[in-house]
N, C-alpha and C. Protein backbone atom coordinates (compact mmCIF):
# COMPACT_ATOMS: atom_id res chain seq x y z
N MET A 1 42.84 85.66 204.20
CA MET A 1 43.63 86.82 204.38
C MET A 1 42.93 87.94 203.82
N ASN A 2 42.84 88.96 204.74
CA ASN A 2 42.05 90.23 204.28
C ASN A 2 42.94 91.12 203.35
N ILE A 3 42.45 92.00 202.52
CA ILE A 3 43.08 92.83 201.73
C ILE A 3 44.04 93.89 202.43
N GLN A 4 43.61 94.20 203.70
CA GLN A 4 44.23 95.38 204.35
C GLN A 4 45.76 94.42 204.81
N ASN A 5 45.66 93.29 205.47
CA ASN A 5 46.69 92.65 205.75
C ASN A 5 47.80 92.30 204.52
N MET A 6 47.15 92.12 203.36
CA MET A 6 47.99 91.93 202.13
C MET A 6 48.69 93.31 201.82
N MET A 7 47.82 94.35 202.01
CA MET A 7 48.50 95.81 201.54
C MET A 7 49.64 96.07 202.52
N LYS A 8 49.44 95.89 203.80
CA LYS A 8 50.23 96.09 204.85
C LYS A 8 51.61 95.28 204.70
N GLN A 9 51.60 93.96 204.19
CA GLN A 9 52.66 93.11 204.11
C GLN A 9 53.43 93.50 202.74
N ALA A 10 52.66 93.94 201.74
CA ALA A 10 53.43 94.51 200.36
C ALA A 10 54.12 95.79 200.81
N GLN A 11 53.55 96.64 201.56
CA GLN A 11 54.30 97.92 201.92
C GLN A 11 55.48 97.73 202.74
N GLU A 12 55.35 96.75 203.65
CA GLU A 12 56.59 96.34 204.51
C GLU A 12 57.58 95.87 203.69
N MET A 13 57.35 94.79 202.71
CA MET A 13 58.18 94.15 201.70
C MET A 13 59.03 95.41 200.85
N GLN A 14 58.04 96.25 200.40
CA GLN A 14 58.84 97.35 199.56
C GLN A 14 59.76 98.21 200.35
N GLN A 15 59.52 98.43 201.80
CA GLN A 15 60.23 99.22 202.60
C GLN A 15 61.67 98.41 202.77
N ARG A 16 61.48 97.09 203.05
CA ARG A 16 62.75 96.30 203.21
C ARG A 16 63.57 96.40 202.08
N LEU A 17 62.84 96.15 201.02
CA LEU A 17 63.58 96.14 199.61
C LEU A 17 64.38 97.52 199.20
N GLN A 18 63.67 98.46 199.51
CA GLN A 18 64.21 99.89 199.33
C GLN A 18 65.47 100.07 200.31
N GLN A 19 65.35 99.77 201.58
CA GLN A 19 66.51 99.73 202.45
C GLN A 19 67.77 98.96 201.98
N GLN A 20 67.26 97.73 201.55
CA GLN A 20 68.30 96.72 201.04
C GLN A 20 69.06 97.46 199.71
N MET A 21 68.31 98.04 199.09
CA MET A 21 68.88 98.75 197.73
C MET A 21 69.81 99.80 198.18
N SER A 22 69.39 100.52 199.19
CA SER A 22 70.32 101.58 199.56
C SER A 22 71.68 101.23 200.32
N ASP A 23 71.41 100.06 201.02
CA ASP A 23 72.56 99.37 201.67
C ASP A 23 73.52 98.63 200.90
N MET A 24 73.10 98.28 199.61
CA MET A 24 73.79 97.28 198.80
C MET A 24 74.99 98.00 198.20
N ARG A 25 76.02 97.48 198.09
CA ARG A 25 77.35 97.91 197.36
C ARG A 25 77.79 96.87 196.62
N VAL A 26 77.92 97.18 195.14
CA VAL A 26 78.48 96.22 194.24
C VAL A 26 79.66 96.82 193.47
N GLU A 27 80.66 95.87 193.30
CA GLU A 27 81.82 96.42 192.78
C GLU A 27 82.10 95.70 191.48
N ALA A 28 82.56 96.47 190.53
CA ALA A 28 82.78 95.80 189.28
C ALA A 28 84.01 96.43 188.67
N THR A 29 84.83 95.82 187.72
CA THR A 29 86.13 96.16 187.08
C THR A 29 85.94 95.99 185.59
N ALA A 30 87.01 96.92 184.95
CA ALA A 30 87.00 96.81 183.51
C ALA A 30 88.62 96.90 183.18
N GLY A 31 89.01 96.34 182.28
CA GLY A 31 90.38 96.45 181.83
C GLY A 31 91.31 95.86 182.86
N GLY A 32 91.02 94.66 183.25
CA GLY A 32 91.71 93.87 184.20
C GLY A 32 92.03 94.66 185.43
N GLY A 33 91.06 95.43 185.86
CA GLY A 33 91.28 96.04 187.24
C GLY A 33 91.72 97.42 187.05
N MET A 34 91.78 97.96 185.70
CA MET A 34 92.32 99.36 185.57
C MET A 34 91.33 100.36 185.96
N VAL A 35 89.96 100.02 186.01
CA VAL A 35 88.89 100.87 186.35
C VAL A 35 87.96 100.08 187.39
N THR A 36 87.81 100.54 188.45
CA THR A 36 86.77 99.93 189.58
C THR A 36 85.87 100.76 189.82
N VAL A 37 84.63 100.42 189.96
CA VAL A 37 83.47 101.32 190.34
C VAL A 37 82.63 100.53 191.40
N VAL A 38 82.09 101.30 192.26
CA VAL A 38 81.25 100.75 193.21
C VAL A 38 79.90 101.53 193.04
N VAL A 39 78.66 100.62 193.14
CA VAL A 39 77.38 101.38 192.98
C VAL A 39 76.62 100.81 194.03
N ASN A 40 75.58 101.49 194.41
CA ASN A 40 74.46 100.96 195.26
C ASN A 40 73.53 100.25 194.50
N GLY A 41 72.34 99.73 195.25
CA GLY A 41 71.40 98.94 194.73
C GLY A 41 70.37 99.82 193.90
N ASN A 42 70.55 101.24 193.91
CA ASN A 42 69.75 102.12 193.22
C ASN A 42 70.52 102.57 191.85
N LYS A 43 71.69 101.76 191.71
CA LYS A 43 72.55 102.01 190.42
C LYS A 43 73.16 103.51 190.45
N GLN A 44 73.29 103.98 191.65
CA GLN A 44 74.07 105.20 191.89
C GLN A 44 75.45 105.02 192.11
N LEU A 45 76.33 105.57 191.35
CA LEU A 45 77.70 105.50 191.41
C LEU A 45 78.28 106.03 192.67
N GLN A 46 78.95 105.12 193.73
CA GLN A 46 79.32 105.54 194.92
C GLN A 46 80.82 106.02 194.91
N SER A 47 81.68 105.25 193.95
CA SER A 47 83.08 105.58 193.90
C SER A 47 83.53 104.98 192.60
N ILE A 48 84.69 105.50 192.29
CA ILE A 48 85.60 105.18 191.01
C ILE A 48 86.86 105.19 191.33
N LYS A 49 87.68 104.20 190.83
CA LYS A 49 89.00 104.13 191.04
C LYS A 49 89.84 103.95 189.73
N ILE A 50 90.57 104.73 189.28
CA ILE A 50 91.34 104.66 187.94
C ILE A 50 92.89 104.51 188.18
N ASP A 51 93.30 103.43 187.65
CA ASP A 51 94.66 103.28 187.57
C ASP A 51 95.47 104.28 186.93
N PRO A 52 96.53 104.77 187.53
CA PRO A 52 97.07 105.95 186.90
C PRO A 52 97.64 105.49 185.53
N GLU A 53 98.12 104.13 185.40
CA GLU A 53 98.52 103.78 184.19
C GLU A 53 97.72 103.85 182.80
N VAL A 54 96.49 103.98 183.15
CA VAL A 54 95.45 103.91 182.00
C VAL A 54 95.07 105.45 181.72
N VAL A 55 95.64 106.42 182.36
CA VAL A 55 95.39 107.82 182.20
C VAL A 55 96.36 108.27 181.09
N SER A 56 95.84 108.46 179.86
CA SER A 56 96.69 109.02 178.82
C SER A 56 95.86 110.03 177.91
N LYS A 57 96.54 111.11 177.78
CA LYS A 57 95.99 112.19 176.92
C LYS A 57 95.58 111.61 175.44
N GLU A 58 96.44 110.73 175.07
CA GLU A 58 96.35 110.15 173.73
C GLU A 58 95.19 109.16 173.62
N ASP A 59 94.88 108.75 174.67
CA ASP A 59 93.76 107.59 174.56
C ASP A 59 92.59 107.69 175.72
N VAL A 60 91.96 108.92 175.52
CA VAL A 60 90.94 109.27 176.41
C VAL A 60 89.78 108.25 176.19
N GLU A 61 89.48 108.01 174.99
CA GLU A 61 88.42 107.29 174.49
C GLU A 61 88.44 105.90 175.32
N MET A 62 89.65 105.30 175.31
CA MET A 62 89.82 103.99 175.99
C MET A 62 89.37 104.15 177.58
N LEU A 63 89.84 105.13 178.19
CA LEU A 63 89.41 105.46 179.42
C LEU A 63 87.91 105.41 179.76
N GLN A 64 87.32 106.10 178.80
CA GLN A 64 85.97 106.51 178.84
C GLN A 64 85.29 105.12 178.64
N ASP A 65 85.68 104.26 177.72
CA ASP A 65 85.07 102.91 177.33
C ASP A 65 85.02 102.07 178.67
N LEU A 66 86.40 102.13 179.33
CA LEU A 66 86.58 101.23 180.52
C LEU A 66 85.65 101.65 181.70
N ILE A 67 85.27 102.91 181.74
CA ILE A 67 84.46 103.37 182.86
C ILE A 67 83.04 102.88 182.75
N VAL A 68 82.63 103.01 181.19
CA VAL A 68 81.12 102.68 180.97
C VAL A 68 81.08 101.14 181.02
N ALA A 69 82.04 100.40 180.73
CA ALA A 69 82.08 99.11 180.82
C ALA A 69 81.99 98.63 182.14
N ALA A 70 82.78 99.11 183.12
CA ALA A 70 82.71 98.89 184.65
C ALA A 70 81.26 99.24 185.18
N PHE A 71 80.66 100.27 184.83
CA PHE A 71 79.54 100.78 185.38
C PHE A 71 78.39 99.72 184.91
N ASN A 72 78.42 99.49 183.63
CA ASN A 72 77.52 98.68 183.15
C ASN A 72 77.48 97.28 183.76
N ASP A 73 78.75 96.75 184.05
CA ASP A 73 78.86 95.45 184.70
C ASP A 73 78.23 95.52 186.20
N ALA A 74 78.57 96.60 186.86
CA ALA A 74 78.00 96.73 188.18
C ALA A 74 76.52 96.89 188.10
N ALA A 75 76.01 97.53 187.06
CA ALA A 75 74.48 97.71 187.14
C ALA A 75 73.92 96.15 186.90
N ARG A 76 74.60 95.46 185.95
CA ARG A 76 74.10 94.06 185.80
C ARG A 76 74.14 93.28 187.14
N LYS A 77 75.22 93.31 187.86
CA LYS A 77 75.25 92.70 189.10
C LYS A 77 74.35 93.12 190.09
N VAL A 78 73.90 94.47 190.05
CA VAL A 78 72.86 94.82 190.96
C VAL A 78 71.54 94.20 190.59
N ASP A 79 71.24 94.09 189.27
CA ASP A 79 70.10 93.51 188.74
C ASP A 79 69.92 92.20 189.21
N GLU A 80 71.21 91.25 189.05
CA GLU A 80 71.09 89.91 189.50
C GLU A 80 70.87 89.74 190.94
N GLN A 81 71.49 90.63 191.78
CA GLN A 81 71.35 90.50 193.26
C GLN A 81 69.91 90.94 193.76
N LEU A 82 69.40 91.90 192.94
CA LEU A 82 67.95 92.12 193.36
C LEU A 82 67.08 91.17 192.86
N GLY A 83 67.27 90.39 191.76
CA GLY A 83 66.54 89.31 191.36
C GLY A 83 66.46 88.25 192.26
N GLN A 84 67.73 87.89 192.95
CA GLN A 84 67.76 86.88 193.94
C GLN A 84 66.97 87.26 195.15
N SER A 85 67.39 88.55 195.62
CA SER A 85 66.49 88.98 196.87
C SER A 85 65.03 88.93 196.44
N MET A 86 64.51 89.46 195.43
CA MET A 86 63.13 89.37 195.03
C MET A 86 62.60 87.92 195.12
N SER A 87 63.35 86.88 194.56
CA SER A 87 62.93 85.74 194.61
C SER A 87 62.68 85.12 196.09
N GLY A 88 63.80 85.49 196.88
CA GLY A 88 63.71 85.24 198.28
C GLY A 88 62.52 85.68 198.94
N LEU A 89 62.19 87.06 198.61
CA LEU A 89 61.20 87.68 199.37
C LEU A 89 59.82 87.05 198.84
N MET A 90 59.70 86.70 197.75
CA MET A 90 58.35 86.16 197.13
C MET A 90 58.30 84.57 197.44
N GLY A 91 59.36 84.12 198.21
CA GLY A 91 59.22 82.73 198.53
C GLY A 91 59.38 81.68 197.28
N GLY A 92 60.10 82.24 196.31
CA GLY A 92 60.49 81.55 195.29
C GLY A 92 59.48 81.72 194.19
N LEU A 93 58.64 82.47 194.06
CA LEU A 93 57.58 82.59 193.17
C LEU A 93 58.16 83.28 191.98
N LYS A 94 57.95 82.96 190.86
CA LYS A 94 58.61 83.50 189.64
C LYS A 94 57.59 84.53 189.09
N ILE A 95 58.26 85.72 188.89
CA ILE A 95 57.44 86.64 188.31
C ILE A 95 57.86 87.28 186.98
N PRO A 96 57.43 87.24 185.88
CA PRO A 96 58.12 87.65 184.56
C PRO A 96 58.72 88.96 184.74
N GLY A 97 59.87 89.04 184.35
CA GLY A 97 60.38 90.53 184.32
C GLY A 97 61.30 90.82 185.46
N LEU A 98 61.23 89.98 186.50
CA LEU A 98 62.03 90.29 187.80
C LEU A 98 63.03 89.21 187.79
């Protein structure tokens, strides 16, 4: 296999992965569903839903913590899905750090 073919295949793989990341939607919740976030594969927040029951002037910190927890859970799920996708694209080849 020549180097140009390998480079072309790598570029095509990168384009497929970038498209997959843009199309991916991951949902995560915190506080038993009181806060729900949706992020894409680039870990950009797409939407957030907050149960009105959790909105309280007296406990803004709890709401902030729930938002952070939901977002962090969604980001972890994105990493897991991308790891699985990369494993599939690489034919099961294990690359440290992915």
